């Protein structure tokens, strides 16, 4: 595998610009290998790893997650080991059990397992940031997936380009990069990458969007990836404002919320505050129907004896004296 250094590498500019927008703290920047790349061996993560190596030679490490879900996973691991050996990039292989629980989405189970493993490995290795290879078409898929599920602003905001999870920092520097452009560059350089066979499995909603909707969008609206990404940025900005309002309201009504103070807010601000409160402390996201029922109960809570016990997300919203409490699942 040749080393990345070609001026036409489609990811170099995007990675450098992202790093300028999200600089590392001085103490993290001084670490020997502050950058980790989540490296699956696929085209996206291969292009990102090569760009990171070109931008920060000797300061990059690779993290490969083996999900233990398909036989091809062993081939992916062998490819990752061989590629990193040729490049002189240290590699850590993380084996996780990504099987889903009853009622849980297989995609969600794999994603959660992957993030937990990547965060723990980054913290153990002293990496300041884990870079992820999602590109412009992935962002478009995410937005269409959110629309198909009737998501609110947090879902319509798409994937954030910088975020924290499990105590670790993550970055998505390629959200503005065309996925086909990076694959074309790899093919032109003769750089091998693996193709996950499950990407063609249309039992998964995201794969159906990729196989059926995106080609139609591309035919009708050639700039769809850029325009959908712009919509996602607008939604993210609007959600940021709602979060600021919710934080101010939560400071006003108390944390946990005092019911009488909560009732003085408009219904829309009550809903916004409850979503923010649940997400802030428990990463819980109630359905629209659950939230509407909670607002009805809060409005009816005018006597000392009125009790509240409602299923909200995966836990329960309760009345506790003059305020509300939340009981997460055990």
C-alpha atoms as a PDB file:
ATOM      1  CA  UNK A   1       0.000   0.000   0.000  1.00  0.00           C
ATOM      2  CA  UNK A   2       1.552   3.322  -1.032  1.00  0.00           C
ATOM      3  CA  UNK A   3       1.848   6.086   1.489  1.00  0.00           C
ATOM      4  CA  UNK A   4      -0.613   8.951   1.244  1.00  0.00           C
ATOM      5  CA  UNK A   5       1.015  12.120   0.110  1.00  0.00           C
ATOM      6  CA  UNK A   6      -0.564  12.866  -3.242  1.00  0.00           C
ATOM      7  CA  UNK A   7      -1.775  16.438  -3.580  1.00  0.00           C
ATOM      8  CA  UNK A   8      -5.087  15.211  -5.023  1.00  0.00           C
ATOM      9  CA  UNK A   9      -6.047  13.134  -1.972  1.00  0.00           C
ATOM     10  CA  UNK A  10      -9.710  14.158  -1.493  1.00  0.00           C
ATOM     11  CA  UNK A  11      -9.580  13.910   2.312  1.00  0.00           C
ATOM     12  CA  UNK A  12      -6.470  15.935   3.156  1.00  0.00           C
ATOM     13  CA  UNK A  13      -8.077  19.364   2.881  1.00  0.00           C
ATOM     14  CA  UNK A  14     -11.192  18.289   4.763  1.00  0.00           C
ATOM     15  CA  UNK A  15      -9.164  16.731   7.574  1.00  0.00           C
ATOM     16  CA  UNK A  16      -6.936  19.788   7.944  1.00  0.00           C
ATOM     17  CA  UNK A  17      -9.924  22.133   7.970  1.00  0.00           C
ATOM     18  CA  UNK A  18     -11.724  20.003  10.536  1.00  0.00           C
ATOM     19  CA  UNK A  19      -8.653  19.963  12.808  1.00  0.00           C
ATOM     20  CA  UNK A  20      -8.457  23.766  12.572  1.00  0.00           C
ATOM     21  CA  UNK A  21     -12.120  24.049  13.638  1.00  0.00           C
ATOM     22  CA  UNK A  22     -11.673  21.574  16.482  1.00  0.00           C
ATOM     23  CA  UNK A  23      -8.122  22.014  17.815  1.00  0.00           C
ATOM     24  CA  UNK A  24      -6.810  19.672  20.486  1.00  0.00           C
ATOM     25  CA  UNK A  25      -6.067  21.086  23.945  1.00  0.00           C
ATOM     26  CA  UNK A  26      -2.321  21.867  24.284  1.00  0.00           C
ATOM     27  CA  UNK A  27      -1.681  18.964  26.642  1.00  0.00           C
ATOM     28  CA  UNK A  28      -3.415  16.526  24.272  1.00  0.00           C
ATOM     29  CA  UNK A  29      -1.668  17.930  21.209  1.00  0.00           C
ATOM     30  CA  UNK A  30       1.661  17.249  22.904  1.00  0.00           C
ATOM     31  CA  UNK A  31       0.950  13.513  23.221  1.00  0.00           C
ATOM     32  CA  UNK A  32       3.011  11.161  21.079  1.00  0.00           C
ATOM     33  CA  UNK A  33      -0.022   9.695  19.264  1.00  0.00           C
ATOM     34  CA  UNK A  34      -3.005  11.958  19.935  1.00  0.00           C
ATOM     35  CA  UNK A  35      -4.964  10.841  16.866  1.00  0.00           C
ATOM     36  CA  UNK A  36      -6.714   7.490  16.574  1.00  0.00           C
ATOM     37  CA  UNK A  37      -8.561   6.370  13.444  1.00  0.00           C
ATOM     38  CA  UNK A  38     -11.415   3.876  13.637  1.00  0.00           C
ATOM     39  CA  UNK A  39     -10.113   1.651  10.868  1.00  0.00           C
ATOM     40  CA  UNK A  40     -12.440  -1.025   9.507  1.00  0.00           C
ATOM     41  CA  UNK A  41     -10.390  -1.652   6.373  1.00  0.00           C
ATOM     42  CA  UNK A  42     -13.184  -0.257   4.195  1.00  0.00           C
ATOM     43  CA  UNK A  43     -12.726   2.548   1.691  1.00  0.00           C
ATOM     44  CA  UNK A  44     -13.797   5.402   3.958  1.00  0.00           C
ATOM     45  CA  UNK A  45     -11.600   4.547   6.915  1.00  0.00           C
ATOM     46  CA  UNK A  46      -8.695   3.631   4.612  1.00  0.00           C
ATOM     47  CA  UNK A  47      -8.786   7.054   2.956  1.00  0.00           C
ATOM     48  CA  UNK A  48      -9.043   8.726   6.361  1.00  0.00           C
ATOM     49  CA  UNK A  49      -6.146   6.729   7.819  1.00  0.00           C
ATOM     50  CA  UNK A  50      -3.910   7.624   4.898  1.00  0.00           C
ATOM     51  CA  UNK A  51      -4.845  11.310   5.130  1.00  0.00           C
ATOM     52  CA  UNK A  52      -4.191  11.352   8.888  1.00  0.00           C
ATOM     53  CA  UNK A  53      -0.815   9.677   8.368  1.00  0.00           C
ATOM     54  CA  UNK A  54       0.110  12.265   5.728  1.00  0.00           C
ATOM     55  CA  UNK A  55      -0.983  15.165   7.910  1.00  0.00           C
ATOM     56  CA  UNK A  56       0.469  13.897  11.210  1.00  0.00           C
ATOM     57  CA  UNK A  57       3.190  11.329  10.384  1.00  0.00           C
ATOM     58  CA  UNK A  58       4.095   9.140  13.342  1.00  0.00           C
ATOM     59  CA  UNK A  59       1.303  10.589  15.490  1.00  0.00           C
ATOM     60  CA  UNK A  60      -1.553   8.322  14.412  1.00  0.00           C
ATOM     61  CA  UNK A  61      -2.768   4.948  15.652  1.00  0.00           C
ATOM     62  CA  UNK A  62      -5.454   2.675  14.223  1.00  0.00           C
ATOM     63  CA  UNK A  63      -8.297   0.994  16.141  1.00  0.00           C
ATOM     64  CA  UNK A  64     -10.016  -1.943  14.459  1.00  0.00           C
ATOM     65  CA  UNK A  65     -13.285  -3.301  15.879  1.00  0.00           C
ATOM     66  CA  UNK A  66     -14.054  -6.981  15.269  1.00  0.00           C
ATOM     67  CA  UNK A  67     -17.808  -7.306  15.844  1.00  0.00           C
ATOM     68  CA  UNK A  68     -17.820 -11.123  15.958  1.00  0.00           C
ATOM     69  CA  UNK A  69     -20.976 -11.119  13.829  1.00  0.00           C
ATOM     70  CA  UNK A  70     -19.811 -12.573  10.492  1.00  0.00           C
ATOM     71  CA  UNK A  71     -17.131 -14.904   9.193  1.00  0.00           C
ATOM     72  CA  UNK A  72     -15.730 -12.114   7.023  1.00  0.00           C
ATOM     73  CA  UNK A  73     -14.727 -10.297  10.211  1.00  0.00           C
ATOM     74  CA  UNK A  74     -11.570 -12.417  10.445  1.00  0.00           C
ATOM     75  CA  UNK A  75     -10.641 -11.420   6.879  1.00  0.00           C
ATOM     76  CA  UNK A  76     -11.206  -7.760   7.756  1.00  0.00           C
ATOM     77  CA  UNK A  77      -8.876  -8.104  10.725  1.00  0.00           C
ATOM     78  CA  UNK A  78      -6.157  -9.762   8.639  1.00  0.00           C
ATOM     79  CA  UNK A  79      -6.420  -6.992   6.060  1.00  0.00           C
ATOM     80  CA  UNK A  80      -6.181  -4.297   8.751  1.00  0.00           C
ATOM     81  CA  UNK A  81      -3.136  -5.924  10.333  1.00  0.00           C
ATOM     82  CA  UNK A  82      -1.335  -6.269   6.998  1.00  0.00           C
ATOM     83  CA  UNK A  83      -2.148  -2.714   5.879  1.00  0.00           C
ATOM     84  CA  UNK A  84      -1.042  -1.121   9.150  1.00  0.00           C
ATOM     85  CA  UNK A  85       2.139  -3.207   9.159  1.00  0.00           C
ATOM     86  CA  UNK A  86       3.040  -1.920   5.694  1.00  0.00           C
ATOM     87  CA  UNK A  87       2.278   1.648   6.707  1.00  0.00           C
ATOM     88  CA  UNK A  88       4.098   1.449  10.031  1.00  0.00           C
ATOM     89  CA  UNK A  89       0.986   2.518  11.936  1.00  0.00           C
ATOM     90  CA  UNK A  90       0.331   0.880  15.317  1.00  0.00           C
ATOM     91  CA  UNK A  91      -2.903  -1.087  15.366  1.00  0.00           C
ATOM     92  CA  UNK A  92      -5.119  -2.214  18.225  1.00  0.00           C
ATOM     93  CA  UNK A  93      -7.770  -4.844  17.480  1.00  0.00           C
ATOM     94  CA  UNK A  94     -10.871  -4.667  19.657  1.00  0.00           C
ATOM     95  CA  UNK A  95     -13.103  -7.720  19.836  1.00  0.00           C
ATOM     96  CA  UNK A  96     -16.657  -7.045  20.952  1.00  0.00           C
ATOM     97  CA  UNK A  97     -19.852  -9.050  21.294  1.00  0.00           C
ATOM     98  CA  UNK A  98     -22.242  -6.958  19.204  1.00  0.00           C
ATOM     99  CA  UNK A  99     -25.214  -9.319  19.314  1.00  0.00           C
ATOM    100  CA  UNK A 100     -28.474  -7.448  19.890  1.00  0.00           C
ATOM    101  CA  UNK A 101     -30.865  -7.963  22.784  1.00  0.00           C
ATOM    102  CA  UNK A 102     -34.530  -8.908  22.146  1.00  0.00           C
ATOM    103  CA  UNK A 103     -36.327  -5.894  20.717  1.00  0.00           C
ATOM    104  CA  UNK A 104     -33.097  -4.025  19.995  1.00  0.00           C
ATOM    105  CA  UNK A 105     -32.034  -3.021  16.507  1.00  0.00           C
ATOM    106  CA  UNK A 106     -29.011  -5.061  15.327  1.00  0.00           C
ATOM    107  CA  UNK A 107     -27.529  -1.889  13.847  1.00  0.00           C
ATOM    108  CA  UNK A 108     -27.969  -0.002  17.119  1.00  0.00           C
ATOM    109  CA  UNK A 109     -26.443  -2.840  19.152  1.00  0.00           C
ATOM    110  CA  UNK A 110     -23.386  -2.973  16.898  1.00  0.00           C
ATOM    111  CA  UNK A 111     -23.027   0.810  16.969  1.00  0.00           C
ATOM    112  CA  UNK A 112     -23.203   1.005  20.766  1.00  0.00           C
ATOM    113  CA  UNK A 113     -20.709  -1.838  21.188  1.00  0.00           C
ATOM    114  CA  UNK A 114     -18.368  -0.190  18.703  1.00  0.00           C
ATOM    115  CA  UNK A 115     -18.431   3.203  20.434  1.00  0.00           C
ATOM    116  CA  UNK A 116     -17.877   1.689  23.867  1.00  0.00           C
ATOM    117  CA  UNK A 117     -14.876  -0.256  22.608  1.00  0.00           C
ATOM    118  CA  UNK A 118     -13.385   2.668  20.690  1.00  0.00           C
ATOM    119  CA  UNK A 119     -13.795   5.059  23.619  1.00  0.00           C
ATOM    120  CA  UNK A 120     -12.197   2.655  26.093  1.00  0.00           C
ATOM    121  CA  UNK A 121      -9.294   1.904  23.753  1.00  0.00           C
ATOM    122  CA  UNK A 122      -8.671   5.582  23.041  1.00  0.00           C
ATOM    123  CA  UNK A 123      -8.615   6.440  26.733  1.00  0.00           C
ATOM    124  CA  UNK A 124      -6.306   3.511  27.505  1.00  0.00           C
ATOM    125  CA  UNK A 125      -3.924   4.491  24.695  1.00  0.00           C
ATOM    126  CA  UNK A 126      -3.888   8.188  25.520  1.00  0.00           C
ATOM    127  CA  UNK A 127      -5.436   9.211  22.194  1.00  0.00           C
ATOM    128  CA  UNK A 128      -7.083  12.630  22.367  1.00  0.00           C
ATOM    129  CA  UNK A 129      -9.549  12.023  19.552  1.00  0.00           C
ATOM    130  CA  UNK A 130     -10.961   9.107  17.551  1.00  0.00           C
ATOM    131  CA  UNK A 131     -11.569   9.979  13.895  1.00  0.00           C
ATOM    132  CA  UNK A 132     -14.473   8.336  12.054  1.00  0.00           C
ATOM    133  CA  UNK A 133     -14.782   7.966   8.286  1.00  0.00           C
ATOM    134  CA  UNK A 134     -18.430   8.854   7.578  1.00  0.00           C
ATOM    135  CA  UNK A 135     -18.727  10.984   4.435  1.00  0.00           C
ATOM    136  CA  UNK A 136     -21.330  13.133   2.647  1.00  0.00           C
ATOM    137  CA  UNK A 137     -23.465  10.235   1.408  1.00  0.00           C
ATOM    138  CA  UNK A 138     -23.508   8.730   4.914  1.00  0.00           C
ATOM    139  CA  UNK A 139     -24.838  12.055   6.220  1.00  0.00           C
ATOM    140  CA  UNK A 140     -27.530  12.072   3.532  1.00  0.00           C
ATOM    141  CA  UNK A 141     -28.529   8.519   4.467  1.00  0.00           C
ATOM    142  CA  UNK A 142     -28.733   9.521   8.128  1.00  0.00           C
ATOM    143  CA  UNK A 143     -31.028  12.450   7.364  1.00  0.00           C
ATOM    144  CA  UNK A 144     -33.319  10.339   5.150  1.00  0.00           C
ATOM    145  CA  UNK A 145     -33.384   7.622   7.808  1.00  0.00           C
ATOM    146  CA  UNK A 146     -34.422  10.219  10.397  1.00  0.00           C
ATOM    147  CA  UNK A 147     -37.170  11.519   8.096  1.00  0.00           C
ATOM    148  CA  UNK A 148     -38.458   7.982   7.542  1.00  0.00           C
ATOM    149  CA  UNK A 149     -38.837   7.590  11.311  1.00  0.00           C
ATOM    150  CA  UNK A 150     -40.531  10.930  11.925  1.00  0.00           C
ATOM    151  CA  UNK A 151     -37.585  12.188  13.947  1.00  0.00           C
ATOM    152  CA  UNK A 152     -37.402  15.589  15.590  1.00  0.00           C
ATOM    153  CA  UNK A 153     -34.627  18.146  15.274  1.00  0.00           C
ATOM    154  CA  UNK A 154     -31.925  16.029  16.988  1.00  0.00           C
ATOM    155  CA  UNK A 155     -32.419  13.337  14.339  1.00  0.00           C
ATOM    156  CA  UNK A 156     -32.754  15.800  11.460  1.00  0.00           C
ATOM    157  CA  UNK A 157     -29.475  17.422  12.526  1.00  0.00           C
ATOM    158  CA  UNK A 158     -27.728  14.284  11.253  1.00  0.00           C
ATOM    159  CA  UNK A 159     -24.308  13.265  12.476  1.00  0.00           C
ATOM    160  CA  UNK A 160     -22.287  15.819  14.414  1.00  0.00           C
ATOM    161  CA  UNK A 161     -18.761  16.504  13.175  1.00  0.00           C
ATOM    162  CA  UNK A 162     -17.434  16.513  16.758  1.00  0.00           C
ATOM    163  CA  UNK A 163     -18.897  14.910  19.877  1.00  0.00           C
ATOM    164  CA  UNK A 164     -18.069  13.084  23.096  1.00  0.00           C
ATOM    165  CA  UNK A 165     -19.159   9.605  24.150  1.00  0.00           C
ATOM    166  CA  UNK A 166     -18.106   7.376  27.025  1.00  0.00           C
ATOM    167  CA  UNK A 167     -15.611  10.033  28.111  1.00  0.00           C
ATOM    168  CA  UNK A 168     -13.790  10.101  24.757  1.00  0.00           C
ATOM    169  CA  UNK A 169     -13.785  12.669  21.967  1.00  0.00           C
ATOM    170  CA  UNK A 170     -14.816  11.661  18.439  1.00  0.00           C
ATOM    171  CA  UNK A 171     -14.603  13.503  15.133  1.00  0.00           C
ATOM    172  CA  UNK A 172     -16.107  13.096  11.667  1.00  0.00           C
ATOM    173  CA  UNK A 173     -13.906  15.207   9.382  1.00  0.00           C
ATOM    174  CA  UNK A 174     -15.190  13.786   6.075  1.00  0.00           C
ATOM    175  CA  UNK A 175     -18.878  14.741   6.230  1.00  0.00           C
ATOM    176  CA  UNK A 176     -18.361  17.144   3.343  1.00  0.00           C
ATOM    177  CA  UNK A 177     -16.370  14.676   1.208  1.00  0.00           C
ATOM    178  CA  UNK A 178     -18.010  12.769  -1.632  1.00  0.00           C
ATOM    179  CA  UNK A 179     -17.778   9.035  -0.958  1.00  0.00           C
ATOM    180  CA  UNK A 180     -17.330   8.119  -4.602  1.00  0.00           C
ATOM    181  CA  UNK A 181     -14.466  10.617  -4.928  1.00  0.00           C
ATOM    182  CA  UNK A 182     -12.499   8.970  -2.151  1.00  0.00           C
ATOM    183  CA  UNK A 183     -13.130   5.486  -3.583  1.00  0.00           C
ATOM    184  CA  UNK A 184     -12.037   6.684  -7.019  1.00  0.00           C
ATOM    185  CA  UNK A 185      -8.860   8.087  -5.505  1.00  0.00           C
ATOM    186  CA  UNK A 186      -8.061   4.820  -3.731  1.00  0.00           C
ATOM    187  CA  UNK A 187      -8.697   2.831  -6.920  1.00  0.00           C
ATOM    188  CA  UNK A 188      -6.512   5.204  -8.913  1.00  0.00           C
ATOM    189  CA  UNK A 189      -3.688   4.789  -6.388  1.00  0.00           C
ATOM    190  CA  UNK A 190      -4.051   0.998  -6.416  1.00  0.00           C
ATOM    191  CA  UNK A 191      -4.870   0.971  -2.703  1.00  0.00           C
ATOM    192  CA  UNK A 192      -6.805  -2.093  -1.564  1.00  0.00           C
ATOM    193  CA  UNK A 193      -9.762  -1.923   0.802  1.00  0.00           C
ATOM    194  CA  UNK A 194     -12.395  -4.379   1.984  1.00  0.00           C
ATOM    195  CA  UNK A 195     -16.110  -4.315   1.152  1.00  0.00           C
ATOM    196  CA  UNK A 196     -18.515  -5.386   3.896  1.00  0.00           C
ATOM    197  CA  UNK A 197     -21.046  -7.819   2.347  1.00  0.00           C
ATOM    198  CA  UNK A 198     -23.712  -6.755   4.860  1.00  0.00           C
ATOM    199  CA  UNK A 199     -23.825  -3.330   3.166  1.00  0.00           C
ATOM    200  CA  UNK A 200     -25.841  -4.957   0.382  1.00  0.00           C
ATOM    201  CA  UNK A 201     -28.348  -6.572   2.775  1.00  0.00           C
ATOM    202  CA  UNK A 202     -31.572  -4.658   2.179  1.00  0.00           C
ATOM    203  CA  UNK A 203     -33.241  -6.023   5.266  1.00  0.00           C
ATOM    204  CA  UNK A 204     -31.618  -3.016   6.935  1.00  0.00           C
ATOM    205  CA  UNK A 205     -33.331   0.328   6.382  1.00  0.00           C
ATOM    206  CA  UNK A 206     -30.114   2.262   5.831  1.00  0.00           C
ATOM    207  CA  UNK A 207     -29.069  -0.179   3.106  1.00  0.00           C
ATOM    208  CA  UNK A 208     -32.433   0.194   1.352  1.00  0.00           C
ATOM    209  CA  UNK A 209     -31.986   3.960   1.414  1.00  0.00           C
ATOM    210  CA  UNK A 210     -28.481   3.576  -0.033  1.00  0.00           C
ATOM    211  CA  UNK A 211     -29.536   1.131  -2.755  1.00  0.00           C
ATOM    212  CA  UNK A 212     -32.905   2.595  -3.774  1.00  0.00           C
ATOM    213  CA  UNK A 213     -33.343   6.209  -2.696  1.00  0.00           C
ATOM    214  CA  UNK A 214     -29.892   7.715  -3.125  1.00  0.00           C
ATOM    215  CA  UNK A 215     -29.555   6.752  -6.815  1.00  0.00           C
ATOM    216  CA  UNK A 216     -32.947   8.385  -7.464  1.00  0.00           C
ATOM    217  CA  UNK A 217     -31.909  11.495  -5.540  1.00  0.00           C
ATOM    218  CA  UNK A 218     -28.630  11.654  -7.431  1.00  0.00           C
ATOM    219  CA  UNK A 219     -30.454  11.370 -10.765  1.00  0.00           C
ATOM    220  CA  UNK A 220     -33.054  14.035  -9.941  1.00  0.00           C
ATOM    221  CA  UNK A 221     -30.873  16.314  -7.781  1.00  0.00           C
ATOM    222  CA  UNK A 222     -27.143  15.872  -8.494  1.00  0.00           C
ATOM    223  CA  UNK A 223     -26.180  18.125  -5.565  1.00  0.00           C
ATOM    224  CA  UNK A 224     -28.433  16.265  -3.099  1.00  0.00           C
ATOM    225  CA  UNK A 225     -25.611  15.394  -0.683  1.00  0.00           C
ATOM    226  CA  UNK A 226     -24.637  19.039  -0.280  1.00  0.00           C
ATOM    227  CA  UNK A 227     -28.223  20.306   0.032  1.00  0.00           C
ATOM    228  CA  UNK A 228     -29.251  17.649   2.554  1.00  0.00           C
ATOM    229  CA  UNK A 229     -26.102  18.376   4.541  1.00  0.00           C
ATOM    230  CA  UNK A 230     -27.059  22.067   4.559  1.00  0.00           C
ATOM    231  CA  UNK A 231     -30.515  21.166   5.906  1.00  0.00           C
ATOM    232  CA  UNK A 232     -28.877  19.071   8.612  1.00  0.00           C
ATOM    233  CA  UNK A 233     -26.689  22.020   9.614  1.00  0.00           C
ATOM    234  CA  UNK A 234     -29.755  24.278   9.855  1.00  0.00           C
ATOM    235  CA  UNK A 235     -31.508  21.689  12.038  1.00  0.00           C
ATOM    236  CA  UNK A 236     -28.419  21.370  14.241  1.00  0.00           C
ATOM    237  CA  UNK A 237     -28.296  25.144  14.700  1.00  0.00           C
ATOM    238  CA  UNK A 238     -31.994  25.247  15.619  1.00  0.00           C
ATOM    239  CA  UNK A 239     -31.477  22.369  18.090  1.00  0.00           C
ATOM    240  CA  UNK A 240     -28.593  24.262  19.686  1.00  0.00           C
ATOM    241  CA  UNK A 241     -30.919  27.222  20.302  1.00  0.00           C
ATOM    242  CA  UNK A 242     -33.586  24.919  21.774  1.00  0.00           C
ATOM    243  CA  UNK A 243     -30.978  23.383  24.073  1.00  0.00           C
ATOM    244  CA  UNK A 244     -29.969  26.850  25.265  1.00  0.00           C
ATOM    245  CA  UNK A 245     -33.612  27.727  26.010  1.00  0.00           C
ATOM    246  CA  UNK A 246     -34.089  24.385  27.776  1.00  0.00           C
ATOM    247  CA  UNK A 247     -30.996  24.924  29.932  1.00  0.00           C
ATOM    248  CA  UNK A 248     -32.287  28.357  30.973  1.00  0.00           C
ATOM    249  CA  UNK A 249     -35.738  26.942  31.730  1.00  0.00           C
ATOM    250  CA  UNK A 250     -34.276  24.056  33.715  1.00  0.00           C
ATOM    251  CA  UNK A 251     -32.275  26.499  35.819  1.00  0.00           C
ATOM    252  CA  UNK A 252     -35.511  28.414  36.422  1.00  0.00           C
ATOM    253  CA  UNK A 253     -37.820  25.499  37.347  1.00  0.00           C
ATOM    254  CA  UNK A 254     -35.191  23.447  39.189  1.00  0.00           C
ATOM    255  CA  UNK A 255     -33.349  20.216  38.539  1.00  0.00           C
ATOM    256  CA  UNK A 256     -35.257  17.986  39.032  1.00  0.00           C
ATOM    257  CA  UNK A 257     -38.156  20.113  37.734  1.00  0.00           C
ATOM    258  CA  UNK A 258     -40.655  21.502  40.256  1.00  0.00           C
ATOM    259  CA  UNK A 259     -44.112  20.776  38.879  1.00  0.00           C
ATOM    260  CA  UNK A 260     -45.750  24.154  39.659  1.00  0.00           C
ATOM    261  CA  UNK A 261     -42.836  26.013  38.084  1.00  0.00           C
ATOM    262  CA  UNK A 262     -42.957  23.711  35.065  1.00  0.00           C
ATOM    263  CA  UNK A 263     -46.687  24.380  34.625  1.00  0.00           C
ATOM    264  CA  UNK A 264     -46.002  28.114  34.214  1.00  0.00           C
ATOM    265  CA  UNK A 265     -44.120  27.432  30.975  1.00  0.00           C
ATOM    266  CA  UNK A 266     -45.857  27.026  27.632  1.00  0.00           C
ATOM    267  CA  UNK A 267     -46.582  23.441  26.595  1.00  0.00           C
ATOM    268  CA  UNK A 268     -43.901  23.614  23.890  1.00  0.00           C
ATOM    269  CA  UNK A 269     -41.284  24.786  26.401  1.00  0.00           C
ATOM    270  CA  UNK A 270     -42.348  22.076  28.852  1.00  0.00           C
ATOM    271  CA  UNK A 271     -41.786  19.455  26.153  1.00  0.00           C
ATOM    272  CA  UNK A 272     -38.443  20.983  25.190  1.00  0.00           C
ATOM    273  CA  UNK A 273     -37.316  21.082  28.819  1.00  0.00           C
ATOM    274  CA  UNK A 274     -38.330  17.458  29.505  1.00  0.00           C
ATOM    275  CA  UNK A 275     -36.502  16.219  26.405  1.00  0.00           C
ATOM    276  CA  UNK A 276     -33.400  18.162  27.430  1.00  0.00           C
ATOM    277  CA  UNK A 277     -33.566  16.967  31.066  1.00  0.00           C
ATOM    278  CA  UNK A 278     -33.942  13.318  30.083  1.00  0.00           C
ATOM    279  CA  UNK A 279     -31.163  13.517  27.489  1.00  0.00           C
ATOM    280  CA  UNK A 280     -28.844  15.443  29.825  1.00  0.00           C
ATOM    281  CA  UNK A 281     -28.936  12.974  32.713  1.00  0.00           C
ATOM    282  CA  UNK A 282     -29.980   9.640  31.215  1.00  0.00           C
ATOM    283  CA  UNK A 283     -29.496   9.837  27.431  1.00  0.00           C
ATOM    284  CA  UNK A 284     -33.196   8.953  27.242  1.00  0.00           C
ATOM    285  CA  UNK A 285     -35.391   9.902  24.276  1.00  0.00           C
ATOM    286  CA  UNK A 286     -39.154   9.506  24.791  1.00  0.00           C
ATOM    287  CA  UNK A 287     -41.535   8.934  21.913  1.00  0.00           C
ATOM    288  CA  UNK A 288     -43.955  11.673  20.879  1.00  0.00           C
ATOM    289  CA  UNK A 289     -46.899   9.736  22.337  1.00  0.00           C
ATOM    290  CA  UNK A 290     -45.090   9.202  25.652  1.00  0.00           C
ATOM    291  CA  UNK A 291     -44.181  12.863  25.917  1.00  0.00           C
ATOM    292  CA  UNK A 292     -47.723  13.995  25.138  1.00  0.00           C
ATOM    293  CA  UNK A 293     -49.050  11.729  27.885  1.00  0.00           C
ATOM    294  CA  UNK A 294     -46.485  13.125  30.316  1.00  0.00           C
ATOM    295  CA  UNK A 295     -47.535  16.704  29.503  1.00  0.00           C
ATOM    296  CA  UNK A 296     -51.197  15.793  30.084  1.00  0.00           C
ATOM    297  CA  UNK A 297     -50.336  14.358  33.500  1.00  0.00           C
ATOM    298  CA  UNK A 298     -48.228  17.376  34.435  1.00  0.00           C
ATOM    299  CA  UNK A 299     -51.103  19.710  33.484  1.00  0.00           C
ATOM    300  CA  UNK A 300     -53.520  17.622  35.630  1.00  0.00           C
ATOM    301  CA  UNK A 301     -51.180  17.577  38.620  1.00  0.00           C
ATOM    302  CA  UNK A 302     -52.958  20.245  40.692  1.00  0.00           C
ATOM    303  CA  UNK A 303     -53.512  18.370  43.963  1.00  0.00           C
ATOM    304  CA  UNK A 304     -51.096  16.945  46.493  1.00  0.00           C
ATOM    305  CA  UNK A 305     -52.439  13.430  46.004  1.00  0.00           C
ATOM    306  CA  UNK A 306     -52.071  13.315  42.228  1.00  0.00           C
ATOM    307  CA  UNK A 307     -49.520  10.636  41.369  1.00  0.00           C
ATOM    308  CA  UNK A 308     -47.475  10.278  38.204  1.00  0.00           C
ATOM    309  CA  UNK A 309     -45.913   7.026  37.008  1.00  0.00           C
ATOM    310  CA  UNK A 310     -45.505   6.913  33.248  1.00  0.00           C
ATOM    311  CA  UNK A 311     -43.323   4.875  30.934  1.00  0.00           C
ATOM    312  CA  UNK A 312     -40.941   7.330  29.312  1.00  0.00           C
ATOM    313  CA  UNK A 313     -38.257   6.033  26.950  1.00  0.00           C
ATOM    314  CA  UNK A 314     -36.968   2.886  28.681  1.00  0.00           C
ATOM    315  CA  UNK A 315     -37.625   4.119  32.240  1.00  0.00           C
ATOM    316  CA  UNK A 316     -40.406   5.786  34.252  1.00  0.00           C
ATOM    317  CA  UNK A 317     -41.336   9.396  34.969  1.00  0.00           C
ATOM    318  CA  UNK A 318     -42.516   9.743  38.578  1.00  0.00           C
ATOM    319  CA  UNK A 319     -43.870  12.420  40.863  1.00  0.00           C
ATOM    320  CA  UNK A 320     -41.606  12.880  43.884  1.00  0.00           C
ATOM    321  CA  UNK A 321     -43.112  15.378  46.292  1.00  0.00           C
ATOM    322  CA  UNK A 322     -43.376  18.767  44.574  1.00  0.00           C
ATOM    323  CA  UNK A 323     -41.223  17.724  41.646  1.00  0.00           C
ATOM    324  CA  UNK A 324     -40.550  15.083  39.055  1.00  0.00           C
ATOM    325  CA  UNK A 325     -38.055  12.231  39.123  1.00  0.00           C
ATOM    326  CA  UNK A 326     -36.960   9.682  36.573  1.00  0.00           C
ATOM    327  CA  UNK A 327     -36.341   6.010  37.205  1.00  0.00           C
ATOM    328  CA  UNK A 328     -34.005   4.593  34.539  1.00  0.00           C
ATOM    329  CA  UNK A 329     -34.109   0.889  33.689  1.00  0.00           C
ATOM    330  CA  UNK A 330     -32.198  -1.372  36.048  1.00  0.00           C
END
